[in-house]
Amino acid sequence: STLLTPQAFSDRPLQEGNVTLSTSPTTISSSSTSALLASSSSGLAPLTREQLQQAMLHLIKNDSNFVNTLHAAYLESFHAATSNKL
C-alpha cells in the first residue's frame, strides 16, 4: 500500500478507489494557522481536517495492516485505561 504525502493533496485531486481526494480549500482555525506558518518555512504544510479524514478513510478501506495497527494501539490504550481503574 502507498502512504500519500501532504503534497499529494495539494497538487491536484486524486482518485483512489472509491475515495476522491480533493484539494478544495477549507477553513483553517487560528490555532491551525500558527502550525501552518511554522511548517511553511520547511516547505511542508499540514493536511487539512478534510484531507486527513479522506486519507484515513482510504487507508481503513484499503490497507488491512493499517487497520491492524490502529486496532492494536486501541487495545493497548483500552487495557491501560481499564487496568488503572482496578
PDB file of N, CA and C in Angstrom:
ATOM      1  N   SER A   1       0.835  -1.181   0.000  1.00  0.00           N
ATOM      2  CA  SER A   1       0.000   0.000   0.000  1.00  0.00           C
ATOM      3  C   SER A   1       0.880   1.244   0.000  1.00  0.00           C
ATOM      4  N   THR A   2       0.293   2.366  -0.363  1.00  0.00           N
ATOM      5  CA  THR A   2       1.024   3.611  -0.502  1.00  0.00           C
ATOM      6  C   THR A   2       0.531   4.626   0.506  1.00  0.00           C
ATOM      7  N   LEU A   3       1.455   5.276   1.184  1.00  0.00           N
ATOM      8  CA  LEU A   3       1.123   6.373   2.077  1.00  0.00           C
ATOM      9  C   LEU A   3       1.344   7.666   1.316  1.00  0.00           C
ATOM     10  N   LEU A   4       0.302   8.487   1.232  1.00  0.00           N
ATOM     11  CA  LEU A   4       0.377   9.725   0.467  1.00  0.00           C
ATOM     12  C   LEU A   4       0.995  10.836   1.300  1.00  0.00           C
ATOM     13  N   THR A   5       1.824  11.643   0.671  1.00  0.00           N
ATOM     14  CA  THR A   5       2.425  12.789   1.334  1.00  0.00           C
ATOM     15  C   THR A   5       1.453  13.963   1.299  1.00  0.00           C
ATOM     16  N   PRO A   6       1.664  14.984   2.134  1.00  0.00           N
ATOM     17  CA  PRO A   6       0.806  16.163   2.078  1.00  0.00           C
ATOM     18  C   PRO A   6       0.788  16.814   0.698  1.00  0.00           C
ATOM     19  N   GLN A   7       1.897  16.745  -0.041  1.00  0.00           N
ATOM     20  CA  GLN A   7       1.937  17.342  -1.371  1.00  0.00           C
ATOM     21  C   GLN A   7       0.956  16.651  -2.320  1.00  0.00           C
ATOM     22  N   ALA A   8       0.694  15.390  -2.096  1.00  0.00           N
ATOM     23  CA  ALA A   8      -0.254  14.670  -2.953  1.00  0.00           C
ATOM     24  C   ALA A   8      -1.639  15.286  -2.865  1.00  0.00           C
ATOM     25  N   PHE A   9      -1.944  15.893  -1.726  1.00  0.00           N
ATOM     26  CA  PHE A   9      -3.253  16.503  -1.549  1.00  0.00           C
ATOM     27  C   PHE A   9      -3.296  17.942  -2.041  1.00  0.00           C
ATOM     28  N   SER A  10      -2.162  18.586  -2.148  1.00  0.00           N
ATOM     29  CA  SER A  10      -2.168  19.993  -2.514  1.00  0.00           C
ATOM     30  C   SER A  10      -1.910  20.232  -3.996  1.00  0.00           C
ATOM     31  N   ASP A  11      -1.346  19.277  -4.703  1.00  0.00           N
ATOM     32  CA  ASP A  11      -1.016  19.485  -6.108  1.00  0.00           C
ATOM     33  C   ASP A  11      -2.227  19.352  -7.035  1.00  0.00           C
ATOM     34  N   ARG A  12      -3.019  18.302  -6.858  1.00  0.00           N
ATOM     35  CA  ARG A  12      -4.167  18.066  -7.719  1.00  0.00           C
ATOM     36  C   ARG A  12      -5.085  17.043  -7.080  1.00  0.00           C
ATOM     37  N   PRO A  13      -6.362  16.987  -7.482  1.00  0.00           N
ATOM     38  CA  PRO A  13      -7.251  15.956  -6.947  1.00  0.00           C
ATOM     39  C   PRO A  13      -6.783  14.579  -7.413  1.00  0.00           C
ATOM     40  N   LEU A  14      -6.882  13.613  -6.530  1.00  0.00           N
ATOM     41  CA  LEU A  14      -6.511  12.240  -6.847  1.00  0.00           C
ATOM     42  C   LEU A  14      -7.733  11.353  -6.713  1.00  0.00           C
ATOM     43  N   GLN A  15      -7.814  10.324  -7.534  1.00  0.00           N
ATOM     44  CA  GLN A  15      -8.888   9.350  -7.423  1.00  0.00           C
ATOM     45  C   GLN A  15      -8.265   8.063  -6.927  1.00  0.00           C
ATOM     46  N   GLU A  16      -8.620   7.634  -5.740  1.00  0.00           N
ATOM     47  CA  GLU A  16      -8.088   6.417  -5.150  1.00  0.00           C
ATOM     48  C   GLU A  16      -9.267   5.505  -4.839  1.00  0.00           C
ATOM     49  N   GLY A  17      -9.485   4.469  -5.638  1.00  0.00           N
ATOM     50  CA  GLY A  17     -10.598   3.567  -5.392  1.00  0.00           C
ATOM     51  C   GLY A  17     -11.897   4.322  -5.441  1.00  0.00           C
ATOM     52  N   ASN A  18     -12.694   4.210  -4.371  1.00  0.00           N
ATOM     53  CA  ASN A  18     -13.973   4.903  -4.291  1.00  0.00           C
ATOM     54  C   ASN A  18     -13.869   6.240  -3.573  1.00  0.00           C
ATOM     55  N   VAL A  19     -12.659   6.614  -3.164  1.00  0.00           N
ATOM     56  CA  VAL A  19     -12.467   7.855  -2.413  1.00  0.00           C
ATOM     57  C   VAL A  19     -11.815   8.887  -3.306  1.00  0.00           C
ATOM     58  N   THR A  20     -12.431  10.042  -3.426  1.00  0.00           N
ATOM     59  CA  THR A  20     -11.824  11.133  -4.166  1.00  0.00           C
ATOM     60  C   THR A  20     -11.105  12.020  -3.175  1.00  0.00           C
ATOM     61  N   LEU A  21      -9.829  12.209  -3.388  1.00  0.00           N
ATOM     62  CA  LEU A  21      -9.043  13.061  -2.523  1.00  0.00           C
ATOM     63  C   LEU A  21      -9.053  14.457  -3.118  1.00  0.00           C
ATOM     64  N   SER A  22      -9.739  15.359  -2.469  1.00  0.00           N
ATOM     65  CA  SER A  22      -9.985  16.690  -3.003  1.00  0.00           C
ATOM     66  C   SER A  22      -8.943  17.687  -2.527  1.00  0.00           C
ATOM     67  N   THR A  23      -8.711  18.693  -3.349  1.00  0.00           N
ATOM     68  CA  THR A  23      -7.831  19.785  -2.941  1.00  0.00           C
ATOM     69  C   THR A  23      -8.630  21.055  -2.698  1.00  0.00           C
ATOM     70  N   SER A  24      -9.943  20.922  -2.510  1.00  0.00           N
ATOM     71  CA  SER A  24     -10.754  22.110  -2.295  1.00  0.00           C
ATOM     72  C   SER A  24     -10.345  22.794  -0.996  1.00  0.00           C
ATOM     73  N   PRO A  25     -10.340  24.133  -0.998  1.00  0.00           N
ATOM     74  CA  PRO A  25      -9.908  24.856   0.197  1.00  0.00           C
ATOM     75  C   PRO A  25     -10.883  24.667   1.349  1.00  0.00           C
ATOM     76  N   THR A  26     -10.360  24.651   2.552  1.00  0.00           N
ATOM     77  CA  THR A  26     -11.190  24.558   3.741  1.00  0.00           C
ATOM     78  C   THR A  26     -10.784  25.670   4.692  1.00  0.00           C
ATOM     79  N   THR A  27     -11.642  25.964   5.645  1.00  0.00           N
ATOM     80  CA  THR A  27     -11.368  26.999   6.618  1.00  0.00           C
ATOM     81  C   THR A  27     -10.351  26.487   7.636  1.00  0.00           C
ATOM     82  N   ILE A  28      -9.372  27.299   7.938  1.00  0.00           N
ATOM     83  CA  ILE A  28      -8.343  26.937   8.897  1.00  0.00           C
ATOM     84  C   ILE A  28      -8.520  27.799  10.138  1.00  0.00           C
ATOM     85  N   SER A  29      -8.572  27.169  11.306  1.00  0.00           N
ATOM     86  CA  SER A  29      -8.725  27.916  12.546  1.00  0.00           C
ATOM     87  C   SER A  29      -7.437  28.657  12.874  1.00  0.00           C
ATOM     88  N   SER A  30      -7.524  29.600  13.812  1.00  0.00           N
ATOM     89  CA  SER A  30      -6.342  30.384  14.156  1.00  0.00           C
ATOM     90  C   SER A  30      -5.252  29.506  14.760  1.00  0.00           C
ATOM     91  N   SER A  31      -5.624  28.461  15.509  1.00  0.00           N
ATOM     92  CA  SER A  31      -4.600  27.576  16.070  1.00  0.00           C
ATOM     93  C   SER A  31      -3.926  26.774  14.973  1.00  0.00           C
ATOM     94  N   SER A  32      -4.678  26.406  13.931  1.00  0.00           N
ATOM     95  CA  SER A  32      -4.094  25.690  12.810  1.00  0.00           C
ATOM     96  C   SER A  32      -3.213  26.607  11.970  1.00  0.00           C
ATOM     97  N   THR A  33      -3.550  27.883  11.938  1.00  0.00           N
ATOM     98  CA  THR A  33      -2.775  28.838  11.150  1.00  0.00           C
ATOM     99  C   THR A  33      -1.348  28.938  11.656  1.00  0.00           C
ATOM    100  N   SER A  34      -1.167  28.953  12.972  1.00  0.00           N
ATOM    101  CA  SER A  34       0.189  29.047  13.507  1.00  0.00           C
ATOM    102  C   SER A  34       0.994  27.799  13.165  1.00  0.00           C
ATOM    103  N   ALA A  35       0.358  26.633  13.175  1.00  0.00           N
ATOM    104  CA  ALA A  35       1.052  25.402  12.783  1.00  0.00           C
ATOM    105  C   ALA A  35       1.409  25.453  11.308  1.00  0.00           C
ATOM    106  N   LEU A  36       0.513  25.988  10.498  1.00  0.00           N
ATOM    107  CA  LEU A  36       0.761  26.106   9.066  1.00  0.00           C
ATOM    108  C   LEU A  36       1.931  27.053   8.799  1.00  0.00           C
ATOM    109  N   LEU A  37       1.964  28.190   9.481  1.00  0.00           N
ATOM    110  CA  LEU A  37       3.061  29.142   9.295  1.00  0.00           C
ATOM    111  C   LEU A  37       4.386  28.562   9.758  1.00  0.00           C
ATOM    112  N   ALA A  38       4.368  27.809  10.841  1.00  0.00           N
ATOM    113  CA  ALA A  38       5.598  27.210  11.354  1.00  0.00           C
ATOM    114  C   ALA A  38       6.161  26.186  10.373  1.00  0.00           C
ATOM    115  N   SER A  39       5.267  25.449   9.690  1.00  0.00           N
ATOM    116  CA  SER A  39       5.738  24.417   8.773  1.00  0.00           C
ATOM    117  C   SER A  39       6.038  24.966   7.381  1.00  0.00           C
ATOM    118  N   SER A  40       5.544  26.171   7.058  1.00  0.00           N
ATOM    119  CA  SER A  40       5.759  26.699   5.716  1.00  0.00           C
ATOM    120  C   SER A  40       7.225  27.009   5.444  1.00  0.00           C
ATOM    121  N   SER A  41       7.996  27.278   6.482  1.00  0.00           N
ATOM    122  CA  SER A  41       9.412  27.552   6.279  1.00  0.00           C
ATOM    123  C   SER A  41      10.152  26.312   5.801  1.00  0.00           C
ATOM    124  N   SER A  42       9.629  25.121   6.112  1.00  0.00           N
ATOM    125  CA  SER A  42      10.254  23.881   5.660  1.00  0.00           C
ATOM    126  C   SER A  42       9.711  23.451   4.300  1.00  0.00           C
ATOM    127  N   GLY A  43       8.712  24.167   3.786  1.00  0.00           N
ATOM    128  CA  GLY A  43       8.127  23.807   2.500  1.00  0.00           C
ATOM    129  C   GLY A  43       7.031  22.760   2.611  1.00  0.00           C
ATOM    130  N   LEU A  44       6.744  22.290   3.818  1.00  0.00           N
ATOM    131  CA  LEU A  44       5.699  21.311   4.042  1.00  0.00           C
ATOM    132  C   LEU A  44       4.513  21.976   4.712  1.00  0.00           C
ATOM    133  N   ALA A  45       3.329  21.538   4.367  1.00  0.00           N
ATOM    134  CA  ALA A  45       2.133  22.062   5.000  1.00  0.00           C
ATOM    135  C   ALA A  45       1.339  20.895   5.577  1.00  0.00           C
ATOM    136  N   PRO A  46       0.708  21.085   6.729  1.00  0.00           N
ATOM    137  CA  PRO A  46      -0.082  20.001   7.312  1.00  0.00           C
ATOM    138  C   PRO A  46      -1.347  19.772   6.499  1.00  0.00           C
ATOM    139  N   LEU A  47      -1.879  18.576   6.614  1.00  0.00           N
ATOM    140  CA  LEU A  47      -3.143  18.262   5.958  1.00  0.00           C
ATOM    141  C   LEU A  47      -4.260  19.026   6.646  1.00  0.00           C
ATOM    142  N   THR A  48      -5.267  19.393   5.892  1.00  0.00           N
ATOM    143  CA  THR A  48      -6.460  19.972   6.500  1.00  0.00           C
ATOM    144  C   THR A  48      -7.223  18.834   7.167  1.00  0.00           C
ATOM    145  N   ARG A  49      -8.198  19.184   7.972  1.00  0.00           N
ATOM    146  CA  ARG A  49      -9.019  18.171   8.639  1.00  0.00           C
ATOM    147  C   ARG A  49      -9.679  17.269   7.595  1.00  0.00           C
ATOM    148  N   GLU A  50     -10.219  17.868   6.545  1.00  0.00           N
ATOM    149  CA  GLU A  50     -10.899  17.109   5.494  1.00  0.00           C
ATOM    150  C   GLU A  50      -9.923  16.182   4.759  1.00  0.00           C
ATOM    151  N   GLN A  51      -8.733  16.674   4.470  1.00  0.00           N
ATOM    152  CA  GLN A  51      -7.746  15.850   3.771  1.00  0.00           C
ATOM    153  C   GLN A  51      -7.310  14.665   4.636  1.00  0.00           C
ATOM    154  N   LEU A  52      -7.116  14.915   5.931  1.00  0.00           N
ATOM    155  CA  LEU A  52      -6.745  13.837   6.839  1.00  0.00           C
ATOM    156  C   LEU A  52      -7.864  12.805   6.913  1.00  0.00           C
ATOM    157  N   GLN A  53      -9.098  13.265   6.984  1.00  0.00           N
ATOM    158  CA  GLN A  53     -10.243  12.354   7.034  1.00  0.00           C
ATOM    159  C   GLN A  53     -10.301  11.489   5.779  1.00  0.00           C
ATOM    160  N   GLN A  54     -10.106  12.091   4.621  1.00  0.00           N
ATOM    161  CA  GLN A  54     -10.140  11.339   3.368  1.00  0.00           C
ATOM    162  C   GLN A  54      -9.005  10.317   3.299  1.00  0.00           C
ATOM    163  N   ALA A  55      -7.831  10.708   3.739  1.00  0.00           N
ATOM    164  CA  ALA A  55      -6.692   9.783   3.730  1.00  0.00           C
ATOM    165  C   ALA A  55      -6.928   8.625   4.692  1.00  0.00           C
ATOM    166  N   MET A  56      -7.454   8.930   5.883  1.00  0.00           N
ATOM    167  CA  MET A  56      -7.732   7.876   6.864  1.00  0.00           C
ATOM    168  C   MET A  56      -8.788   6.909   6.342  1.00  0.00           C
ATOM    169  N   LEU A  57      -9.846   7.434   5.734  1.00  0.00           N
ATOM    170  CA  LEU A  57     -10.887   6.560   5.182  1.00  0.00           C
ATOM    171  C   LEU A  57     -10.315   5.654   4.093  1.00  0.00           C
ATOM    172  N   HIS A  58      -9.483   6.215   3.250  1.00  0.00           N
ATOM    173  CA  HIS A  58      -8.849   5.420   2.195  1.00  0.00           C
ATOM    174  C   HIS A  58      -8.025   4.290   2.810  1.00  0.00           C
ATOM    175  N   LEU A  59      -7.218   4.606   3.808  1.00  0.00           N
ATOM    176  CA  LEU A  59      -6.389   3.584   4.436  1.00  0.00           C
ATOM    177  C   LEU A  59      -7.224   2.536   5.154  1.00  0.00           C
ATOM    178  N   ILE A  60      -8.274   2.951   5.832  1.00  0.00           N
ATOM    179  CA  ILE A  60      -9.148   1.996   6.527  1.00  0.00           C
ATOM    180  C   ILE A  60      -9.800   1.041   5.536  1.00  0.00           C
ATOM    181  N   LYS A  61     -10.237   1.563   4.401  1.00  0.00           N
ATOM    182  CA  LYS A  61     -10.907   0.728   3.400  1.00  0.00           C
ATOM    183  C   LYS A  61      -9.946  -0.162   2.628  1.00  0.00           C
ATOM    184  N   ASN A  62      -8.693   0.250   2.470  1.00  0.00           N
ATOM    185  CA  ASN A  62      -7.801  -0.435   1.537  1.00  0.00           C
ATOM    186  C   ASN A  62      -6.532  -1.038   2.138  1.00  0.00           C
ATOM    187  N   ASP A  63      -6.258  -0.806   3.410  1.00  0.00           N
ATOM    188  CA  ASP A  63      -4.998  -1.274   3.987  1.00  0.00           C
ATOM    189  C   ASP A  63      -5.266  -2.014   5.298  1.00  0.00           C
ATOM    190  N   SER A  64      -5.319  -3.347   5.215  1.00  0.00           N
ATOM    191  CA  SER A  64      -5.619  -4.137   6.410  1.00  0.00           C
ATOM    192  C   SER A  64      -4.525  -3.999   7.460  1.00  0.00           C
ATOM    193  N   ASN A  65      -3.280  -3.792   7.049  1.00  0.00           N
ATOM    194  CA  ASN A  65      -2.205  -3.605   8.019  1.00  0.00           C
ATOM    195  C   ASN A  65      -2.412  -2.316   8.812  1.00  0.00           C
ATOM    196  N   PHE A  66      -2.885  -1.270   8.164  1.00  0.00           N
ATOM    197  CA  PHE A  66      -3.184  -0.012   8.846  1.00  0.00           C
ATOM    198  C   PHE A  66      -4.262  -0.235   9.902  1.00  0.00           C
ATOM    199  N   VAL A  67      -5.312  -0.964   9.538  1.00  0.00           N
ATOM    200  CA  VAL A  67      -6.397  -1.251  10.473  1.00  0.00           C
ATOM    201  C   VAL A  67      -5.879  -2.111  11.628  1.00  0.00           C
ATOM    202  N   ASN A  68      -5.044  -3.097  11.329  1.00  0.00           N
ATOM    203  CA  ASN A  68      -4.467  -3.940  12.384  1.00  0.00           C
ATOM    204  C   ASN A  68      -3.639  -3.106  13.362  1.00  0.00           C
ATOM    205  N   THR A  69      -2.848  -2.173  12.835  1.00  0.00           N
ATOM    206  CA  THR A  69      -2.026  -1.306  13.677  1.00  0.00           C
ATOM    207  C   THR A  69      -2.896  -0.404  14.548  1.00  0.00           C
ATOM    208  N   LEU A  70      -3.949   0.181  13.962  1.00  0.00           N
ATOM    209  CA  LEU A  70      -4.873   1.013  14.735  1.00  0.00           C
ATOM    210  C   LEU A  70      -5.553   0.200  15.827  1.00  0.00           C
ATOM    211  N   HIS A  71      -5.985  -1.016  15.478  1.00  0.00           N
ATOM    212  CA  HIS A  71      -6.679  -1.860  16.452  1.00  0.00           C
ATOM    213  C   HIS A  71      -5.740  -2.241  17.595  1.00  0.00           C
ATOM    214  N   ALA A  72      -4.501  -2.576  17.288  1.00  0.00           N
ATOM    215  CA  ALA A  72      -3.531  -2.928  18.327  1.00  0.00           C
ATOM    216  C   ALA A  72      -3.299  -1.743  19.272  1.00  0.00           C
ATOM    217  N   ALA A  73      -3.176  -0.542  18.704  1.00  0.00           N
ATOM    218  CA  ALA A  73      -2.982   0.659  19.526  1.00  0.00           C
ATOM    219  C   ALA A  73      -4.217   0.934  20.378  1.00  0.00           C
ATOM    220  N   TYR A  74      -5.391   0.732  19.799  1.00  0.00           N
ATOM    221  CA  TYR A  74      -6.642   0.913  20.538  1.00  0.00           C
ATOM    222  C   TYR A  74      -6.714  -0.065  21.713  1.00  0.00           C
ATOM    223  N   LEU A  75      -6.408  -1.340  21.455  1.00  0.00           N
ATOM    224  CA  LEU A  75      -6.459  -2.339  22.523  1.00  0.00           C
ATOM    225  C   LEU A  75      -5.463  -2.024  23.633  1.00  0.00           C
ATOM    226  N   GLU A  76      -4.270  -1.597  23.262  1.00  0.00           N
ATOM    227  CA  GLU A  76      -3.258  -1.230  24.251  1.00  0.00           C
ATOM    228  C   GLU A  76      -3.748  -0.068  25.113  1.00  0.00           C
ATOM    229  N   SER A  77      -4.319   0.937  24.480  1.00  0.00           N
ATOM    230  CA  SER A  77      -4.838   2.094  25.200  1.00  0.00           C
ATOM    231  C   SER A  77      -6.019   1.699  26.090  1.00  0.00           C
ATOM    232  N   PHE A  78      -6.895   0.866  25.566  1.00  0.00           N
ATOM    233  CA  PHE A  78      -8.066   0.412  26.316  1.00  0.00           C
ATOM    234  C   PHE A  78      -7.644  -0.367  27.557  1.00  0.00           C
ATOM    235  N   HIS A  79      -6.722  -1.298  27.377  1.00  0.00           N
ATOM    236  CA  HIS A  79      -6.259  -2.121  28.503  1.00  0.00           C
ATOM    237  C   HIS A  79      -5.525  -1.260  29.541  1.00  0.00           C
ATOM    238  N   ALA A  80      -4.761  -0.276  29.098  1.00  0.00           N
ATOM    239  CA  ALA A  80      -4.068   0.613  30.028  1.00  0.00           C
ATOM    240  C   ALA A  80      -5.071   1.439  30.818  1.00  0.00           C
ATOM    241  N   ALA A  81      -6.108   1.924  30.152  1.00  0.00           N
ATOM    242  CA  ALA A  81      -7.116   2.747  30.826  1.00  0.00           C
ATOM    243  C   ALA A  81      -7.956   1.924  31.803  1.00  0.00           C
ATOM    244  N   THR A  82      -8.296   0.714  31.412  1.00  0.00           N
ATOM    245  CA  THR A  82      -9.147  -0.098  32.291  1.00  0.00           C
ATOM    246  C   THR A  82      -8.352  -0.732  33.430  1.00  0.00           C
ATOM    247  N   SER A  83      -7.070  -0.995  33.240  1.00  0.00           N
ATOM    248  CA  SER A  83      -6.267  -1.574  34.314  1.00  0.00           C
ATOM    249  C   SER A  83      -5.965  -0.536  35.399  1.00  0.00           C
ATOM    250  N   ASN A  84      -5.953   0.741  35.040  1.00  0.00           N
ATOM    251  CA  ASN A  84      -5.726   1.805  36.021  1.00  0.00           C
ATOM    252  C   ASN A  84      -6.922   1.989  36.949  1.00  0.00           C
ATOM    253  N   LYS A  85      -8.102   1.560  36.517  1.00  0.00           N
ATOM    254  CA  LYS A  85      -9.311   1.739  37.307  1.00  0.00           C
ATOM    255  C   LYS A  85      -9.544   0.587  38.269  1.00  0.00           C
ATOM    256  N   LEU A  86      -8.762  -0.466  38.143  1.00  0.00           N
ATOM    257  CA  LEU A  86      -8.949  -1.633  39.034  1.00  0.00           C
ATOM    258  C   LEU A  86      -8.271  -1.463  40.353  1.00  0.00           C
TER     259      LEU A  86
END
